[in-house]
Amino acid sequence: MSAVLVPRAELPAQRRKPVWAVHFGPSPSHLPGRLAREMLRGGLRGFGPDTVHTAELLATELLTNALTHAGGRFAAFHAARYGPLLLVTVTDRAPGFPVRVSTDENLCAESGRGLPLVDALADSWGVHLPEGGVKAVWFLLRLDDLGRG
């Protein structure tokens, strides 16, 4: 699977669980990821550790990409449950699409593995570029497939 430009799916509002959201400006590099992980951990209470770890890992990867490529100026993290689905969206003002680097190109590189991880572990993911210059990168996880613990 590869990232593509797709319209954001409208999911049934009646099945939506509370949304967790936080907006970041310039901040210490560890803070946004830590806050996103804490929010997911609390919101996914009752699910198994593999579920929570996968959600945390993918959210942190998207948030790190957003803050890195937007120069730390702006990023927002949103997560919501829709029945058995978790939708995580990270927005930023960096121009253009995220670039997925082939994992075969440089296995020892310090960066470039985030989107391949998202591609491998998420049930679906993509990029949405609405008017106004704010890019949204999102992923969906099927929570019931990962198990409850």
N, C-alpha and C. Protein backbone atom coordinates (compact mmCIF):
# COMPACT_ATOMS: atom_id res chain seq x y z
N MET A 1 0.84 -1.17 0.00
CA MET A 1 0.00 0.00 0.00
C MET A 1 0.89 1.23 0.00
N SER A 2 0.45 2.29 -0.68
CA SER A 2 1.19 3.53 -0.65
C SER A 2 0.24 4.67 -0.33
N ALA A 3 0.79 5.79 0.08
CA ALA A 3 -0.04 6.94 0.42
C ALA A 3 -0.59 7.56 -0.85
N VAL A 4 -1.83 7.95 -0.79
CA VAL A 4 -2.48 8.59 -1.93
C VAL A 4 -3.32 9.75 -1.43
N LEU A 5 -3.63 10.66 -2.31
CA LEU A 5 -4.52 11.77 -1.98
C LEU A 5 -5.94 11.25 -2.06
N VAL A 6 -6.63 11.28 -0.95
CA VAL A 6 -8.01 10.80 -0.92
C VAL A 6 -8.86 11.78 -0.13
N PRO A 7 -10.14 11.88 -0.47
CA PRO A 7 -11.00 12.72 0.36
C PRO A 7 -11.16 12.07 1.73
N ARG A 8 -11.25 12.86 2.74
CA ARG A 8 -11.43 12.32 4.09
C ARG A 8 -12.79 11.64 4.17
N ALA A 9 -12.79 10.45 4.69
CA ALA A 9 -14.02 9.68 4.81
C ALA A 9 -14.92 10.29 5.89
N GLU A 10 -16.20 10.31 5.62
CA GLU A 10 -17.16 10.72 6.63
C GLU A 10 -17.61 9.47 7.37
N LEU A 11 -17.28 9.38 8.63
CA LEU A 11 -17.64 8.22 9.42
C LEU A 11 -18.90 8.53 10.22
N PRO A 12 -19.69 7.54 10.55
CA PRO A 12 -20.96 7.77 11.23
C PRO A 12 -20.78 8.50 12.56
N ALA A 13 -21.39 9.67 12.67
CA ALA A 13 -21.24 10.49 13.87
C ALA A 13 -21.81 9.81 15.11
N GLN A 14 -22.88 9.05 14.96
CA GLN A 14 -23.50 8.44 16.13
C GLN A 14 -22.61 7.39 16.78
N ARG A 15 -21.65 6.87 16.07
CA ARG A 15 -20.78 5.83 16.62
C ARG A 15 -19.44 6.39 17.08
N ARG A 16 -19.26 7.68 16.95
CA ARG A 16 -17.98 8.29 17.27
C ARG A 16 -17.81 8.44 18.78
N LYS A 17 -16.66 8.04 19.25
CA LYS A 17 -16.31 8.23 20.66
C LYS A 17 -15.64 9.60 20.79
N PRO A 18 -15.39 10.04 22.02
CA PRO A 18 -14.78 11.36 22.19
C PRO A 18 -13.48 11.53 21.39
N VAL A 19 -13.30 12.74 20.92
CA VAL A 19 -12.09 13.08 20.16
C VAL A 19 -11.05 13.63 21.12
N TRP A 20 -9.82 13.17 20.94
CA TRP A 20 -8.70 13.71 21.70
C TRP A 20 -7.92 14.58 20.74
N ALA A 21 -7.63 15.80 21.14
CA ALA A 21 -6.94 16.70 20.22
C ALA A 21 -5.98 17.59 20.99
N VAL A 22 -4.89 17.93 20.33
CA VAL A 22 -3.93 18.86 20.89
C VAL A 22 -3.22 19.54 19.73
N HIS A 23 -2.95 20.84 19.89
CA HIS A 23 -2.24 21.62 18.87
C HIS A 23 -0.88 22.00 19.43
N PHE A 24 0.13 21.95 18.58
CA PHE A 24 1.49 22.23 19.02
C PHE A 24 2.09 23.37 18.22
N GLY A 25 2.75 24.27 18.91
CA GLY A 25 3.60 25.26 18.27
C GLY A 25 5.03 24.84 18.58
N PRO A 26 5.97 25.78 18.51
CA PRO A 26 7.34 25.43 18.87
C PRO A 26 7.37 24.91 20.32
N SER A 27 7.96 23.75 20.51
CA SER A 27 8.02 23.14 21.85
C SER A 27 9.20 22.19 21.90
N PRO A 28 9.60 21.78 23.10
CA PRO A 28 10.67 20.78 23.17
C PRO A 28 10.29 19.56 22.34
N SER A 29 11.25 18.97 21.67
CA SER A 29 10.97 17.92 20.69
C SER A 29 10.28 16.69 21.28
N HIS A 30 10.49 16.39 22.54
CA HIS A 30 9.89 15.20 23.14
C HIS A 30 8.44 15.42 23.58
N LEU A 31 8.03 16.67 23.79
CA LEU A 31 6.73 16.96 24.39
C LEU A 31 5.54 16.54 23.53
N PRO A 32 5.47 16.89 22.23
CA PRO A 32 4.29 16.50 21.45
C PRO A 32 4.07 15.00 21.40
N GLY A 33 5.11 14.24 21.16
CA GLY A 33 4.97 12.79 21.10
C GLY A 33 4.51 12.21 22.43
N ARG A 34 5.07 12.73 23.51
CA ARG A 34 4.69 12.23 24.83
C ARG A 34 3.22 12.52 25.14
N LEU A 35 2.76 13.73 24.82
CA LEU A 35 1.36 14.07 25.06
C LEU A 35 0.42 13.22 24.21
N ALA A 36 0.76 13.01 22.95
CA ALA A 36 -0.07 12.18 22.07
C ALA A 36 -0.14 10.75 22.60
N ARG A 37 0.98 10.21 23.02
CA ARG A 37 1.00 8.84 23.56
C ARG A 37 0.15 8.73 24.83
N GLU A 38 0.25 9.74 25.70
CA GLU A 38 -0.55 9.72 26.94
C GLU A 38 -2.03 9.78 26.63
N MET A 39 -2.42 10.60 25.66
CA MET A 39 -3.82 10.70 25.28
C MET A 39 -4.33 9.37 24.73
N LEU A 40 -3.56 8.74 23.86
CA LEU A 40 -3.97 7.46 23.29
C LEU A 40 -4.04 6.37 24.36
N ARG A 41 -3.06 6.36 25.23
CA ARG A 41 -3.04 5.35 26.30
C ARG A 41 -4.31 5.45 27.14
N GLY A 42 -4.69 6.67 27.49
CA GLY A 42 -5.92 6.86 28.27
C GLY A 42 -7.17 6.51 27.48
N GLY A 43 -7.21 6.90 26.22
CA GLY A 43 -8.39 6.65 25.40
C GLY A 43 -8.57 5.21 24.99
N LEU A 44 -7.49 4.44 25.02
CA LEU A 44 -7.56 3.03 24.62
C LEU A 44 -7.48 2.09 25.82
N ARG A 45 -7.79 2.64 26.99
CA ARG A 45 -7.79 1.81 28.20
C ARG A 45 -8.74 0.63 27.97
N GLY A 46 -8.30 -0.55 28.31
CA GLY A 46 -9.11 -1.75 28.10
C GLY A 46 -8.68 -2.55 26.89
N PHE A 47 -7.91 -1.93 26.00
CA PHE A 47 -7.37 -2.67 24.87
C PHE A 47 -6.01 -3.23 25.26
N GLY A 48 -5.58 -4.27 24.58
CA GLY A 48 -4.32 -4.93 24.90
C GLY A 48 -3.11 -4.05 24.63
N PRO A 49 -1.96 -4.41 25.21
CA PRO A 49 -0.76 -3.61 25.06
C PRO A 49 -0.28 -3.51 23.61
N ASP A 50 -0.50 -4.53 22.79
CA ASP A 50 -0.10 -4.45 21.38
C ASP A 50 -0.90 -3.38 20.65
N THR A 51 -2.19 -3.30 20.95
CA THR A 51 -3.05 -2.29 20.34
C THR A 51 -2.56 -0.89 20.70
N VAL A 52 -2.35 -0.68 21.98
CA VAL A 52 -1.94 0.64 22.46
C VAL A 52 -0.57 1.00 21.90
N HIS A 53 0.37 0.06 21.93
CA HIS A 53 1.72 0.33 21.43
C HIS A 53 1.70 0.67 19.94
N THR A 54 0.93 -0.06 19.15
CA THR A 54 0.86 0.22 17.71
C THR A 54 0.29 1.61 17.47
N ALA A 55 -0.78 1.97 18.16
CA ALA A 55 -1.37 3.30 18.00
C ALA A 55 -0.38 4.39 18.40
N GLU A 56 0.31 4.19 19.52
CA GLU A 56 1.29 5.17 19.99
C GLU A 56 2.44 5.33 18.99
N LEU A 57 2.95 4.21 18.50
CA LEU A 57 4.07 4.24 17.56
C LEU A 57 3.71 5.00 16.29
N LEU A 58 2.57 4.67 15.70
CA LEU A 58 2.19 5.30 14.44
C LEU A 58 1.88 6.78 14.63
N ALA A 59 1.20 7.13 15.71
CA ALA A 59 0.89 8.53 15.98
C ALA A 59 2.18 9.33 16.19
N THR A 60 3.12 8.76 16.92
CA THR A 60 4.40 9.45 17.16
C THR A 60 5.16 9.65 15.86
N GLU A 61 5.14 8.65 14.98
CA GLU A 61 5.83 8.78 13.69
C GLU A 61 5.23 9.93 12.87
N LEU A 62 3.90 9.99 12.78
CA LEU A 62 3.28 11.07 12.00
C LEU A 62 3.54 12.43 12.63
N LEU A 63 3.46 12.50 13.94
CA LEU A 63 3.69 13.78 14.62
C LEU A 63 5.13 14.23 14.47
N THR A 64 6.07 13.32 14.58
CA THR A 64 7.49 13.66 14.39
C THR A 64 7.73 14.17 12.98
N ASN A 65 7.16 13.50 11.98
CA ASN A 65 7.29 13.97 10.60
C ASN A 65 6.73 15.37 10.44
N ALA A 66 5.55 15.60 10.99
CA ALA A 66 4.91 16.91 10.85
C ALA A 66 5.77 18.01 11.48
N LEU A 67 6.24 17.79 12.68
CA LEU A 67 7.04 18.81 13.36
C LEU A 67 8.39 19.01 12.69
N THR A 68 8.97 17.94 12.16
CA THR A 68 10.26 18.05 11.48
C THR A 68 10.13 18.83 10.18
N HIS A 69 9.16 18.47 9.36
CA HIS A 69 9.05 19.06 8.03
C HIS A 69 8.33 20.40 8.02
N ALA A 70 7.60 20.71 9.07
CA ALA A 70 6.97 22.03 9.17
C ALA A 70 7.86 22.98 9.96
N GLY A 71 9.06 22.53 10.29
CA GLY A 71 9.99 23.38 11.02
C GLY A 71 9.55 23.66 12.45
N GLY A 72 8.69 22.81 13.02
CA GLY A 72 8.24 23.00 14.39
C GLY A 72 7.26 24.14 14.57
N ARG A 73 6.79 24.73 13.45
CA ARG A 73 5.92 25.90 13.56
C ARG A 73 4.50 25.55 13.99
N PHE A 74 3.97 24.43 13.49
CA PHE A 74 2.58 24.11 13.77
C PHE A 74 2.34 22.64 13.50
N ALA A 75 1.65 22.00 14.37
CA ALA A 75 1.15 20.64 14.13
C ALA A 75 -0.03 20.43 15.06
N ALA A 76 -0.96 19.62 14.61
CA ALA A 76 -2.11 19.28 15.44
C ALA A 76 -2.31 17.78 15.38
N PHE A 77 -2.72 17.22 16.50
CA PHE A 77 -2.96 15.79 16.63
C PHE A 77 -4.42 15.60 17.00
N HIS A 78 -5.11 14.75 16.27
CA HIS A 78 -6.52 14.44 16.55
C HIS A 78 -6.68 12.93 16.50
N ALA A 79 -7.42 12.38 17.44
CA ALA A 79 -7.71 10.95 17.44
C ALA A 79 -9.15 10.75 17.87
N ALA A 80 -9.82 9.80 17.24
CA ALA A 80 -11.20 9.48 17.61
C ALA A 80 -11.47 8.02 17.33
N ARG A 81 -12.34 7.43 18.14
CA ARG A 81 -12.77 6.05 17.91
C ARG A 81 -14.14 6.07 17.26
N TYR A 82 -14.28 5.24 16.25
CA TYR A 82 -15.54 5.03 15.54
C TYR A 82 -15.82 3.54 15.61
N GLY A 83 -16.56 3.11 16.61
CA GLY A 83 -16.78 1.68 16.79
C GLY A 83 -15.44 0.98 16.95
N PRO A 84 -15.14 0.01 16.08
CA PRO A 84 -13.88 -0.73 16.20
C PRO A 84 -12.70 -0.04 15.52
N LEU A 85 -12.89 1.20 15.05
CA LEU A 85 -11.82 1.90 14.33
C LEU A 85 -11.26 3.04 15.16
N LEU A 86 -9.95 3.22 15.06
CA LEU A 86 -9.28 4.39 15.61
C LEU A 86 -8.78 5.20 14.42
N LEU A 87 -9.19 6.46 14.35
CA LEU A 87 -8.71 7.38 13.32
C LEU A 87 -7.79 8.39 13.98
N VAL A 88 -6.56 8.46 13.52
CA VAL A 88 -5.59 9.45 14.00
C VAL A 88 -5.21 10.33 12.83
N THR A 89 -5.27 11.64 13.03
CA THR A 89 -4.92 12.61 12.00
C THR A 89 -3.91 13.59 12.58
N VAL A 90 -2.85 13.85 11.84
CA VAL A 90 -1.86 14.85 12.21
C VAL A 90 -1.81 15.87 11.09
N THR A 91 -1.99 17.14 11.44
CA THR A 91 -1.97 18.20 10.44
C THR A 91 -0.76 19.08 10.64
N ASP A 92 -0.30 19.66 9.54
CA ASP A 92 0.81 20.61 9.58
C ASP A 92 0.71 21.54 8.38
N ARG A 93 1.59 22.53 8.35
CA ARG A 93 1.60 23.49 7.24
C ARG A 93 2.81 23.31 6.34
N ALA A 94 3.46 22.17 6.40
CA ALA A 94 4.60 21.91 5.50
C ALA A 94 4.05 21.74 4.09
N PRO A 95 4.74 22.30 3.10
CA PRO A 95 4.24 22.18 1.73
C PRO A 95 4.41 20.77 1.18
N GLY A 96 3.51 20.37 0.34
CA GLY A 96 3.64 19.11 -0.40
C GLY A 96 3.30 17.88 0.39
N PHE A 97 3.45 16.76 -0.30
CA PHE A 97 3.13 15.45 0.26
C PHE A 97 4.32 14.88 1.02
N PRO A 98 4.04 14.01 1.99
CA PRO A 98 5.14 13.29 2.62
C PRO A 98 5.77 12.35 1.60
N VAL A 99 7.06 12.15 1.72
CA VAL A 99 7.78 11.28 0.79
C VAL A 99 8.11 9.98 1.50
N ARG A 100 7.67 8.89 0.92
CA ARG A 100 7.96 7.58 1.50
C ARG A 100 9.25 7.07 0.89
N VAL A 101 10.27 6.89 1.73
CA VAL A 101 11.57 6.41 1.29
C VAL A 101 11.55 4.89 1.32
N SER A 102 12.13 4.27 0.31
CA SER A 102 12.21 2.81 0.28
C SER A 102 13.08 2.32 1.42
N THR A 103 12.60 1.33 2.15
CA THR A 103 13.39 0.79 3.26
C THR A 103 14.63 0.07 2.77
N ASP A 104 14.66 -0.30 1.50
CA ASP A 104 15.83 -0.98 0.94
C ASP A 104 16.97 -0.01 0.65
N GLU A 105 16.65 1.29 0.54
CA GLU A 105 17.66 2.27 0.15
C GLU A 105 18.77 2.42 1.18
N ASN A 106 18.40 2.51 2.44
CA ASN A 106 19.42 2.69 3.47
C ASN A 106 18.89 2.17 4.80
N LEU A 107 19.15 0.93 5.10
CA LEU A 107 18.64 0.32 6.31
C LEU A 107 19.23 0.91 7.59
N CYS A 108 20.36 1.58 7.48
CA CYS A 108 21.02 2.15 8.66
C CYS A 108 20.71 3.63 8.85
N ALA A 109 19.88 4.19 8.01
CA ALA A 109 19.56 5.62 8.10
C ALA A 109 18.85 5.92 9.42
N GLU A 110 19.08 7.12 9.95
CA GLU A 110 18.43 7.53 11.19
C GLU A 110 17.01 8.00 10.97
N SER A 111 16.64 8.28 9.75
CA SER A 111 15.28 8.74 9.46
C SER A 111 14.78 8.05 8.20
N GLY A 112 13.51 8.26 7.90
CA GLY A 112 12.95 7.70 6.68
C GLY A 112 12.19 6.41 6.86
N ARG A 113 12.07 5.94 8.10
CA ARG A 113 11.35 4.68 8.32
C ARG A 113 9.93 4.88 8.83
N GLY A 114 9.52 6.11 9.09
CA GLY A 114 8.20 6.37 9.68
C GLY A 114 7.04 5.96 8.79
N LEU A 115 7.02 6.43 7.55
CA LEU A 115 5.91 6.09 6.67
C LEU A 115 5.89 4.61 6.29
N PRO A 116 7.03 3.95 6.08
CA PRO A 116 6.96 2.50 5.87
C PRO A 116 6.36 1.76 7.08
N LEU A 117 6.62 2.25 8.30
CA LEU A 117 6.00 1.66 9.48
C LEU A 117 4.49 1.86 9.45
N VAL A 118 4.06 3.07 9.14
CA VAL A 118 2.63 3.36 9.05
C VAL A 118 2.00 2.47 7.99
N ASP A 119 2.66 2.35 6.85
CA ASP A 119 2.16 1.53 5.75
C ASP A 119 2.03 0.06 6.16
N ALA A 120 2.98 -0.42 6.94
CA ALA A 120 2.98 -1.83 7.34
C ALA A 120 1.98 -2.14 8.44
N LEU A 121 1.75 -1.20 9.36
CA LEU A 121 0.96 -1.51 10.55
C LEU A 121 -0.46 -0.97 10.54
N ALA A 122 -0.72 0.10 9.80
CA ALA A 122 -2.07 0.67 9.76
C ALA A 122 -2.95 -0.11 8.79
N ASP A 123 -4.23 -0.13 9.06
CA ASP A 123 -5.17 -0.77 8.13
C ASP A 123 -5.37 0.09 6.89
N SER A 124 -5.23 1.38 7.05
CA SER A 124 -5.37 2.31 5.93
C SER A 124 -4.69 3.61 6.34
N TRP A 125 -4.18 4.34 5.38
CA TRP A 125 -3.62 5.66 5.67
C TRP A 125 -3.60 6.48 4.39
N GLY A 126 -3.45 7.78 4.54
CA GLY A 126 -3.41 8.63 3.37
C GLY A 126 -3.10 10.06 3.74
N VAL A 127 -3.21 10.91 2.73
CA VAL A 127 -2.91 12.34 2.87
C VAL A 127 -4.08 13.12 2.30
N HIS A 128 -4.47 14.16 3.00
CA HIS A 128 -5.56 15.02 2.56
C HIS A 128 -5.02 16.44 2.50
N LEU A 129 -5.16 17.09 1.35
CA LEU A 129 -4.70 18.48 1.19
C LEU A 129 -5.89 19.37 0.87
N PRO A 130 -6.60 19.82 1.90
CA PRO A 130 -7.70 20.74 1.64
C PRO A 130 -7.18 22.12 1.29
N GLU A 131 -8.06 22.97 0.82
CA GLU A 131 -7.64 24.35 0.56
C GLU A 131 -7.25 24.99 1.87
N GLY A 132 -6.32 25.92 1.82
CA GLY A 132 -5.90 26.62 3.01
C GLY A 132 -4.51 26.27 3.48
N GLY A 133 -3.85 25.34 2.80
CA GLY A 133 -2.46 25.05 3.09
C GLY A 133 -2.18 24.17 4.29
N VAL A 134 -3.19 23.56 4.87
CA VAL A 134 -2.96 22.65 5.99
C VAL A 134 -3.08 21.22 5.47
N LYS A 135 -2.00 20.48 5.60
CA LYS A 135 -1.97 19.09 5.15
C LYS A 135 -2.35 18.17 6.31
N ALA A 136 -3.12 17.14 6.02
CA ALA A 136 -3.50 16.15 7.03
C ALA A 136 -3.03 14.77 6.60
N VAL A 137 -2.24 14.13 7.44
CA VAL A 137 -1.84 12.75 7.22
C VAL A 137 -2.58 11.93 8.27
N TRP A 138 -3.22 10.86 7.86
CA TRP A 138 -4.09 10.10 8.75
C TRP A 138 -3.83 8.60 8.64
N PHE A 139 -4.24 7.88 9.67
CA PHE A 139 -4.25 6.42 9.59
C PHE A 139 -5.45 5.88 10.35
N LEU A 140 -5.88 4.69 9.94
CA LEU A 140 -6.94 3.95 10.62
C LEU A 140 -6.38 2.64 11.15
N LEU A 141 -6.77 2.30 12.37
CA LEU A 141 -6.46 0.99 12.95
C LEU A 141 -7.77 0.32 13.34
N ARG A 142 -7.89 -0.95 13.01
CA ARG A 142 -9.03 -1.75 13.47
C ARG A 142 -8.68 -2.26 14.86
N LEU A 143 -9.33 -1.70 15.86
CA LEU A 143 -9.00 -2.04 17.23
C LEU A 143 -9.38 -3.47 17.58
N ASP A 144 -10.47 -3.97 17.03
CA ASP A 144 -10.88 -5.33 17.38
C ASP A 144 -9.93 -6.38 16.81
N ASP A 145 -9.24 -6.07 15.71
CA ASP A 145 -8.29 -7.02 15.14
C ASP A 145 -7.03 -7.15 16.01
N LEU A 146 -6.75 -6.13 16.80
CA LEU A 146 -5.54 -6.14 17.61
C LEU A 146 -5.78 -6.73 19.00
N GLY A 147 -7.02 -6.89 19.37
CA GLY A 147 -7.34 -7.57 20.62
C GLY A 147 -7.50 -6.66 21.81
N ARG A 148 -8.24 -7.14 22.76
CA ARG A 148 -8.42 -6.47 24.05
C ARG A 148 -7.65 -7.24 25.10
N GLY A 149 -7.15 -6.51 26.09
CA GLY A 149 -6.41 -7.19 27.13
C GLY A 149 -6.88 -6.83 28.49
